[in-house]
Protein backbone atom coordinates (compact mmCIF):
# COMPACT_ATOMS: atom_id res chain seq x y z
CA UNK A 1 -22.80 93.76 -7.49
CA UNK A 2 -19.56 94.74 -6.68
CA UNK A 3 -20.17 95.21 -3.27
CA UNK A 4 -21.92 91.35 -3.35
CA UNK A 5 -18.66 90.26 -5.21
CA UNK A 6 -16.56 91.25 -3.16
CA UNK A 7 -18.45 90.56 0.25
CA UNK A 8 -18.60 87.05 -1.53
CA UNK A 9 -14.40 86.73 -2.19
CA UNK A 10 -14.57 87.69 1.64
CA UNK A 11 -16.53 84.44 2.80
CA UNK A 12 -14.56 82.37 0.47
CA UNK A 13 -11.35 83.79 1.37
CA UNK A 14 -12.23 83.35 5.36
CA UNK A 15 -13.45 79.91 4.86
CA UNK A 16 -10.38 78.66 3.14
CA UNK A 17 -8.04 80.62 5.92
CA UNK A 18 -10.48 77.93 8.41
CA UNK A 19 -10.84 75.14 6.13
CA UNK A 20 -7.31 74.57 4.84
CA UNK A 21 -5.34 74.14 8.41
CA UNK A 22 -8.31 72.00 9.17
CA UNK A 23 -7.94 69.82 6.31
CA UNK A 24 -4.46 69.36 6.83
CA UNK A 25 -4.19 68.98 10.42
CA UNK A 26 -7.31 66.37 9.96
CA UNK A 27 -4.98 64.39 7.11
CA UNK A 28 -2.02 64.47 9.24
CA UNK A 29 -3.49 63.24 12.68
CA UNK A 30 -5.45 60.32 10.46
CA UNK A 31 -6.99 57.50 12.48
CA UNK A 32 -10.68 58.37 13.49
CA UNK A 33 -10.19 61.83 13.08
CA UNK A 34 -9.50 61.65 8.96
CA UNK A 35 -12.59 58.31 9.27
CA UNK A 36 -14.94 60.76 10.80
CA UNK A 37 -14.05 63.84 8.37
CA UNK A 38 -14.66 61.12 4.88
CA UNK A 39 -17.83 59.74 6.53
CA UNK A 40 -19.17 63.36 7.08
CA UNK A 41 -18.62 64.03 3.14
CA UNK A 42 -19.46 60.88 1.94
CA UNK A 43 -23.13 61.51 3.70
CA UNK A 44 -23.64 65.01 2.81
CA UNK A 45 -22.07 63.97 -1.02
CA UNK A 46 -24.85 61.42 -1.15
CA UNK A 47 -27.24 64.12 -0.22
CA UNK A 48 -26.42 66.19 -2.88
CA UNK A 49 -26.43 63.50 -5.15
CA UNK A 50 -29.91 62.97 -4.37
CA UNK A 51 -30.57 66.42 -4.87
CA UNK A 52 -29.45 66.17 -8.70
CA UNK A 53 -31.15 63.18 -9.07
CA UNK A 54 -34.26 64.62 -7.75
CA UNK A 55 -33.94 67.96 -9.96
CA UNK A 56 -33.82 65.31 -13.09
CA UNK A 57 -37.28 63.49 -11.88
CA UNK A 58 -35.02 60.86 -10.51
CA UNK A 59 -36.15 59.90 -6.88
CA UNK A 60 -32.73 57.56 -4.90
CA UNK A 61 -33.42 55.87 -2.09
CA UNK A 62 -31.60 58.18 -0.06
CA UNK A 63 -31.51 56.78 2.99
CA UNK A 64 -30.64 53.54 1.99
CA UNK A 65 -27.73 54.73 0.26
CA UNK A 66 -26.51 57.13 3.04
CA UNK A 67 -26.44 53.46 5.25
CA UNK A 68 -24.57 51.90 2.54
CA UNK A 69 -22.27 54.40 1.61
CA UNK A 70 -21.29 55.04 4.95
CA UNK A 71 -20.34 51.25 5.01
CA UNK A 72 -17.77 51.32 2.15
CA UNK A 73 -15.31 53.94 4.18
CA UNK A 74 -15.78 52.03 7.66
CA UNK A 75 -14.84 48.91 5.24
CA UNK A 76 -11.79 50.51 3.44
CA UNK A 77 -10.42 51.65 7.12
CA UNK A 78 -10.87 48.49 8.95
CA UNK A 79 -10.38 45.81 5.95
CA UNK A 80 -9.12 47.34 3.36
CA UNK A 81 -9.48 47.20 -0.52
CA UNK A 82 -11.18 43.97 -0.24
CA UNK A 83 -13.68 44.99 1.88
CA UNK A 84 -14.60 48.17 -0.21
CA UNK A 85 -14.72 45.82 -2.94
CA UNK A 86 -17.15 43.62 -0.81
CA UNK A 87 -19.54 46.63 0.03
CA UNK A 88 -19.79 48.07 -3.53
CA UNK A 89 -20.93 44.44 -4.48
CA UNK A 90 -23.68 43.93 -1.78
CA UNK A 91 -23.94 47.19 -2.26
CA UNK A 92 -25.24 46.75 -5.87
CA UNK A 93 -27.47 43.92 -4.60
CA UNK A 94 -29.45 45.68 -1.97
CA UNK A 95 -30.13 48.60 -4.61
CA UNK A 96 -31.07 45.99 -7.23
CA UNK A 97 -33.52 44.43 -4.63
CA UNK A 98 -34.51 47.41 -3.34
CA UNK A 99 -36.12 48.19 -7.00
CA UNK A 100 -37.11 45.16 -8.21
CA UNK A 101 -39.20 44.55 -5.14
CA UNK A 102 -40.64 47.93 -4.80
CA UNK A 103 -44.73 47.93 -4.10
CA UNK A 104 -45.34 50.58 -6.84
CA UNK A 105 -43.14 48.90 -9.53
CA UNK A 106 -45.38 48.39 -12.91
CA UNK A 107 -45.00 48.69 -16.79
CA UNK A 108 -45.71 52.61 -16.36
CA UNK A 109 -43.11 53.68 -14.13
CA UNK A 110 -40.14 50.73 -15.17
CA UNK A 111 -38.37 53.54 -16.82
CA UNK A 112 -38.16 55.71 -14.40
CA UNK A 113 -37.29 52.96 -12.00
CA UNK A 114 -34.23 52.01 -14.43
CA UNK A 115 -33.01 55.61 -13.98
CA UNK A 116 -33.03 55.43 -10.33
CA UNK A 117 -31.40 52.23 -9.97
CA UNK A 118 -28.62 53.31 -12.20
CA UNK A 119 -28.34 56.56 -10.75
CA UNK A 120 -27.99 54.88 -7.10
CA UNK A 121 -25.06 52.89 -9.04
CA UNK A 122 -23.26 55.64 -9.96
CA UNK A 123 -24.14 57.72 -6.44
CA UNK A 124 -22.30 54.51 -4.47
CA UNK A 125 -20.10 54.32 -6.70
CA UNK A 126 -18.71 57.84 -7.36
CA UNK A 127 -19.52 59.31 -3.66
CA UNK A 128 -18.85 56.87 -1.26
CA UNK A 129 -16.64 54.84 -3.62
CA UNK A 130 -14.26 57.64 -4.52
CA UNK A 131 -14.01 59.11 -0.80
CA UNK A 132 -13.12 55.63 0.54
CA UNK A 133 -9.96 55.91 -1.98
CA UNK A 134 -8.79 58.70 0.22
CA UNK A 135 -9.27 56.60 3.25
CA UNK A 136 -7.25 53.56 1.50
CA UNK A 137 -4.33 56.37 0.75
CA UNK A 138 -3.64 57.74 4.21
CA UNK A 139 -3.69 53.98 5.64
CA UNK A 140 -1.66 52.66 2.97
CA UNK A 141 1.66 53.20 4.51
CA UNK A 142 0.72 51.31 7.24
CA UNK A 143 -0.82 48.00 5.81
CA UNK A 144 2.50 48.30 3.95
CA UNK A 145 4.59 48.12 6.71
CA UNK A 146 5.51 51.58 6.82
CA UNK A 147 5.30 55.00 8.87
CA UNK A 148 2.15 55.71 9.46
CA UNK A 149 2.25 59.38 9.17
CA UNK A 150 3.63 59.16 5.17
CA UNK A 151 -0.28 58.68 4.56
CA UNK A 152 -1.26 61.87 6.15
CA UNK A 153 1.85 63.49 4.01
CA UNK A 154 0.26 62.26 0.85
CA UNK A 155 -2.94 63.50 1.69
CA UNK A 156 -1.64 66.58 1.87
CA UNK A 157 0.50 66.40 -0.91
CA UNK A 158 -2.82 65.37 -2.98
CA UNK A 159 -4.51 68.88 -1.36
CA UNK A 160 -1.57 71.37 -2.83
CA UNK A 161 -1.41 69.58 -6.09
CA UNK A 162 -4.99 69.98 -6.76
CA UNK A 163 -5.33 73.55 -5.36
CA UNK A 164 -2.28 74.58 -7.27
CA UNK A 165 -3.47 72.89 -10.77
CA UNK A 166 -7.29 74.51 -9.95
CA UNK A 167 -5.87 78.16 -9.40
CA UNK A 168 -3.21 78.21 -12.04
CA UNK A 169 -5.46 76.90 -14.55
CA UNK A 170 -7.99 79.71 -13.51
CA UNK A 171 -5.57 82.22 -13.97
CA UNK A 172 -3.88 80.94 -17.30
CA UNK A 173 -7.62 80.74 -18.82
CA UNK A 174 -8.29 83.65 -18.09
CA UNK A 175 -5.47 85.61 -19.21
CA UNK A 176 -4.13 83.84 -22.26
CA UNK A 177 -7.11 81.38 -22.39
CA UNK A 178 -8.56 81.43 -26.36
CA UNK A 179 -9.66 77.29 -27.27
CA UNK A 180 -12.67 75.87 -25.17
CA UNK A 181 -12.07 72.93 -23.30
CA UNK A 182 -15.78 72.22 -23.52
CA UNK A 183 -17.76 74.67 -24.28
CA UNK A 184 -21.20 73.02 -23.72
CA UNK A 185 -20.56 71.45 -20.35
CA UNK A 186 -18.14 74.24 -18.87
CA UNK A 187 -17.86 77.49 -21.14
CA UNK A 188 -15.16 78.92 -19.16
CA UNK A 189 -12.56 76.36 -19.35
CA UNK A 190 -10.19 76.67 -21.93
CA UNK A 191 -7.25 74.58 -23.17
CA UNK A 192 -4.88 76.77 -22.16
CA UNK A 193 -6.32 76.81 -18.79
CA UNK A 194 -6.16 72.85 -18.53
CA UNK A 195 -2.55 73.32 -19.48
CA UNK A 196 -1.87 75.47 -17.02
CA UNK A 197 -3.10 73.33 -14.31
CA UNK A 198 -0.97 70.78 -15.66
CA UNK A 199 2.05 72.76 -15.28
CA UNK A 200 1.00 73.70 -11.55
CA UNK A 201 0.39 70.21 -10.62
CA UNK A 202 4.15 69.58 -11.20
CA UNK A 203 5.04 72.83 -10.20
CA UNK A 204 3.34 71.72 -6.19
CA UNK A 205 5.16 68.26 -6.76
CA UNK A 206 8.91 70.07 -7.28
CA UNK A 207 7.55 71.99 -4.18
CA UNK A 208 6.41 69.49 -1.99
CA UNK A 209 8.96 67.59 -3.08
CA UNK A 210 12.05 70.27 -1.79
CA UNK A 211 9.67 70.85 1.82
CA UNK A 212 7.64 67.50 3.24
CA UNK A 213 7.94 65.05 0.74
CA UNK A 214 11.65 64.55 0.43
CA UNK A 215 11.23 60.49 1.19
CA UNK A 216 10.15 60.37 -2.05
CA UNK A 217 12.17 61.27 -5.29
CA UNK A 218 10.68 63.74 -7.72
CA UNK A 219 10.32 61.22 -10.38
CA UNK A 220 7.87 59.75 -8.23
CA UNK A 221 5.88 62.39 -7.69
CA UNK A 222 5.88 63.28 -11.64
CA UNK A 223 3.54 60.80 -12.51
CA UNK A 224 0.59 61.50 -9.37
CA UNK A 225 1.43 65.22 -10.52
CA UNK A 226 0.18 64.64 -14.58
CA UNK A 227 -2.64 62.61 -12.99
CA UNK A 228 -3.95 65.42 -10.94
CA UNK A 229 -3.49 67.72 -13.46
CA UNK A 230 -5.20 65.42 -16.19
CA UNK A 231 -8.11 63.23 -14.46
CA UNK A 232 -8.31 65.40 -12.06
CA UNK A 233 -9.29 68.34 -14.04
CA UNK A 234 -11.52 65.39 -16.20
CA UNK A 235 -13.45 64.86 -12.88
CA UNK A 236 -14.00 68.65 -12.04
CA UNK A 237 -15.40 68.76 -15.78
CA UNK A 238 -17.82 65.41 -14.85
CA UNK A 239 -19.23 67.21 -12.05
CA UNK A 240 -19.62 70.13 -14.15
CA UNK A 241 -21.62 67.68 -16.29
CA UNK A 242 -24.42 66.59 -13.84
CA UNK A 243 -24.73 69.73 -12.34
CA UNK A 244 -25.45 71.33 -15.93
CA UNK A 245 -28.05 67.89 -16.53
CA UNK A 246 -30.06 69.44 -13.80
CA UNK A 247 -29.80 73.00 -14.39
CA UNK A 248 -28.26 74.14 -11.00
CA UNK A 249 -25.05 76.41 -9.87
CA UNK A 250 -23.78 74.42 -7.10
CA UNK A 251 -24.72 70.90 -5.54
CA UNK A 252 -25.36 72.77 -2.31
CA UNK A 253 -24.29 75.87 0.06
CA UNK A 254 -22.87 73.63 2.60
CA UNK A 255 -19.64 75.47 2.25
CA UNK A 256 -20.12 79.25 2.32
CA UNK A 257 -18.87 80.81 -0.50
CA UNK A 258 -17.45 77.68 -2.36
CA UNK A 259 -20.90 75.11 -2.84
CA UNK A 260 -21.00 72.04 -2.01
CA UNK A 261 -19.20 69.01 -1.16
CA UNK A 262 -18.80 67.56 -4.74
CA UNK A 263 -17.91 70.79 -5.79
CA UNK A 264 -15.16 71.70 -3.43
CA UNK A 265 -13.71 67.56 -3.94
CA UNK A 266 -14.85 66.89 -7.32
CA UNK A 267 -11.38 67.01 -8.58
CA UNK A 268 -9.39 64.81 -5.35
CA UNK A 269 -11.71 62.23 -5.38
CA UNK A 270 -11.65 61.82 -9.10
CA UNK A 271 -8.02 61.02 -8.96
CA UNK A 272 -7.93 59.55 -5.65
CA UNK A 273 -8.34 55.70 -6.99
CA UNK A 274 -5.55 55.85 -9.82
CA UNK A 275 -3.01 57.68 -7.11
CA UNK A 276 -4.29 54.87 -4.85
CA UNK A 277 -3.38 52.26 -7.42
CA UNK A 278 -0.10 54.38 -8.34
CA UNK A 279 1.17 54.24 -4.84
CA UNK A 280 0.62 50.64 -4.46
CA UNK A 281 1.97 49.41 -7.85
CA UNK A 282 5.02 51.53 -7.92
CA UNK A 283 5.85 53.37 -4.48
CA UNK A 284 4.61 50.68 -1.74
CA UNK A 285 4.90 47.56 -3.98
């Protein structure tokens, strides 16, 4: 078992050593490179969500979900927030029509079709929608008339904040955790670990402001750090809830040693809409 753990740790470290610089570089470059990354993550994320649904005997129109799901980040990239909302609403209409007009619709299977429709709505909103807000954050400075490179730094700031939050939450919870945060959903998470995660996000904000985020005062970064430390950790719990309901350990094995896209990006996508509206209302208003 020790050899297996050591091998898994080495794989995790190797993937992180390659993946983290790649994610940072793509965020800084932006444009079609970042759009392509989000489209790929949405595609894989929707496949993973369909797998979670299938494990609960709920079958989703995966092809239709993916087709509509990729329209959301595309709309966010080219036309911004309004287009994202438009594709949300039209996606709900298309999915509703597809379920209502299914050939095998009957009174006996109506309950399962309602579940399928509900899961489809959630998939479109949670996966494609939340990932699309990363596009909006990346493009916000350009839309607001500021330096386009700022958008890349905001994404990198989110990366660093979430990674630091997760790391400190793990170590504080491991060494000092006593009170369970949500024992049914995630038995290993503790209140002390969650507080450590909030502290980690604040430390990350301070370090980032002192290095590459000097164009933003620390008091403007603090609310984002608090969002990461609270909403981001809630996003991790929500994803754990989805997995536990489906009785799966990871959403997939697409990232060796780390699980699936939804496993690795759960906190980031959950906090992205809140960060976007904070930036729009208080930083780039």
